[in-house]
Amino acid sequence: MPLWEIAFIFYNMKQVNVLFILIITSGFTAPLIAAAQQKASAIKSDLAALASSVNVKNYGATGDGSHDDYSAIQKACNFCIANPSACTAIRFPVGTYLISHPIILQKVSNERWQFFTLHLFGDAPAKSGADGYLSTIKCAFTEGFGIGIQFGRGIQIENINIEGAYSFPNTINNYNIGTTLYASWNNGSVQDGRYSPYAGICIDPFCDSNKIKSREGYPSMRKYYLSGTGKGGTSGVEIKQCGIHHFMVGAMLTPNPYTQNDEMINFLDDNIDAVKVAIAIGQDQSKEIHIDRLKVWASTYTIVDGLNYGAGSAPGSIMINGMNIAGNVNQIFNINAGRFPLSALNIYAESLFRIGFVNGTAGVNFTNFQIDLLTGPGMPAADYIFSGGPVTWSGGMLRYYDASYTHRMNLSQMLATFQDMTLSNPPMVIGLYAYGINGHPTPSFRNIHLYYGNRPMKADFEALHALPFVPLITVDKTKWLASFPVIPGISFKPGDYILASPTDKTGRYFDSGMNPGECSTIQIGRVISITGNTVNLDDVGLNAYSGKDYGAVYLDTVK
């Protein structure tokens, strides 16, 4: 039997002296004795940690996935919060814990919230753990949240998998992730409101009842809103090696519009997906939000949103180091860094429709992104890769991964700098609006390498030619192909792009509910062939439409 197993047995039996008598009388060498002591010390530390925790099964939880474990779990949490000298941690052994109501972590004294500290943990990492090894909390309700943290300090949630009842993301695939409107994700099956989203983890869901308006907050939990409690919020939360799936919002920071200072919130090695929004931040006092090594492998509309929930003035200071994105994600960001900058590095993504909206005068910094944008027959082109600014992109790669020397991406209408990185092909950068070219910002490029063609990108690479009139354009949005009649005197060749500016009266922006006015350059498509008197296009943009109601149409070529 290995020495460490002997040590484990005797430490579990609390026969410490017997262990070392056995070691000495068996003639073990000094290095083996030292190794035994080290292993035994580690085991002792682990046992001490378990001794200071409460097992939810000791409070009556079954973990069998069929009995309601809500009362047992809430009682265990309440006991630890009220008796920190007895325990500050709650263990969820491997199993599925069905709950009929949200678990609320809070400490109330004299009708006011008091700070508290608590650690919830499962037995194995839930980020990528196999199903049979997970400690899962399964929500059998469609309103509220799985776990709510109110006025906490130093809260840890570790190795917990939280499953909701929102099945709509299961209907999303590569072909409809770009064409399913943001508003359509609210299909009525679960609660969704600006101040009350159905969420896996919710930080400071409640606020001063004197401030809350009738239309705000979680209606079914009004008794938890206390009066005269001020604006202070939770600080120092660590959500580590957790999984959160099938909610409207995976993790919600400050859904109510009054609480401030939800800050120092750390997401470390988590998996949040099959949601409309993975992480939503409700107000701009959420400073120092760390998101490290986040995994998003199932259908999600937005990964980080600071505009659609709570006060909508967020985000605060967000620092991202590592994401792994796959499996039909519409966009990474929908934020306005107006007061504090966004810093993000080491993001890897595939099956991503676009990067999103990243506006704000405080600035946005992207470093070493590796982005393979979603593309292919039967799919639309993104109306914009990302919009806003100022953005500085340093290092990494941004490309359409389809082995095409002529597939270009639309990088128009953004205040951005791209430097020391790789693009798949020369992009389109000239912004259009209404009846012609105007003063939209154009990104700058420094030291750009082209993946297809294996060469540096020339400084002056794009030529734009106005067509003499707007042709009759036909768009097939089932196959995402388009066509228009040949125009005499104009030479169209495969690989050229057709761009258009909308008229002021069209109002046809596909995603206007999400980002109104963020597509002034409409990508009609890429020339693939000329048959008879017809120019045929693929790579049709999401906002292209049939007819002649465009301000102007342009032929865009690479010099």
Foldseek 3Di string as FASTA:
>chain_A
DDLLVLLLVCVVVVNVVVSVVCCVVVPHDPVSVVVSVVSNVVSVVVVVQVQQEAELVVQPFDLAQPDASAVSVLVRLVVCQVCVVRHQEYEQEFHEHEHADARERFDDDPLETDETEHEYEYDDQQADDDNRGAREYEYPAQWAERYEYWRYEQYEYGRYEYEYDAQVLVVDALQCLQQQFLVVSPVPPHDDDQLTWYEHYEFNSEEAPVPDDPVHGRVVPSVSHTHPHAQEGYENYEYESYEAARTQEHYEYHQAQRHAQHENYEYYSYEAENYQEHYEYAAQRHAHYEYEAYEYATAYAEHYEQARGHNRHDDHEYEYHHYEEYYRYAEHYDGEHAPYEYEYEHYEYDSYQAHEEYAYPNFYEYEAYAYAHRDDWQHAHELANYEYDDYEYEEHEDEHPDLDAQDAHAHEQYNYEYEHYEYQYDHHYFFAAAQGGDDRDGYAYYFYAHPRVGGTDDRDWKDKAWDPAQFFKAADNRGQKIKTFADPPDDADFSKWKKFAAHPPPPQASRCVRPNPRRRIATQFTFDDQDDGMTMGHNGHPRDHGGRRTSTMIIMDTD
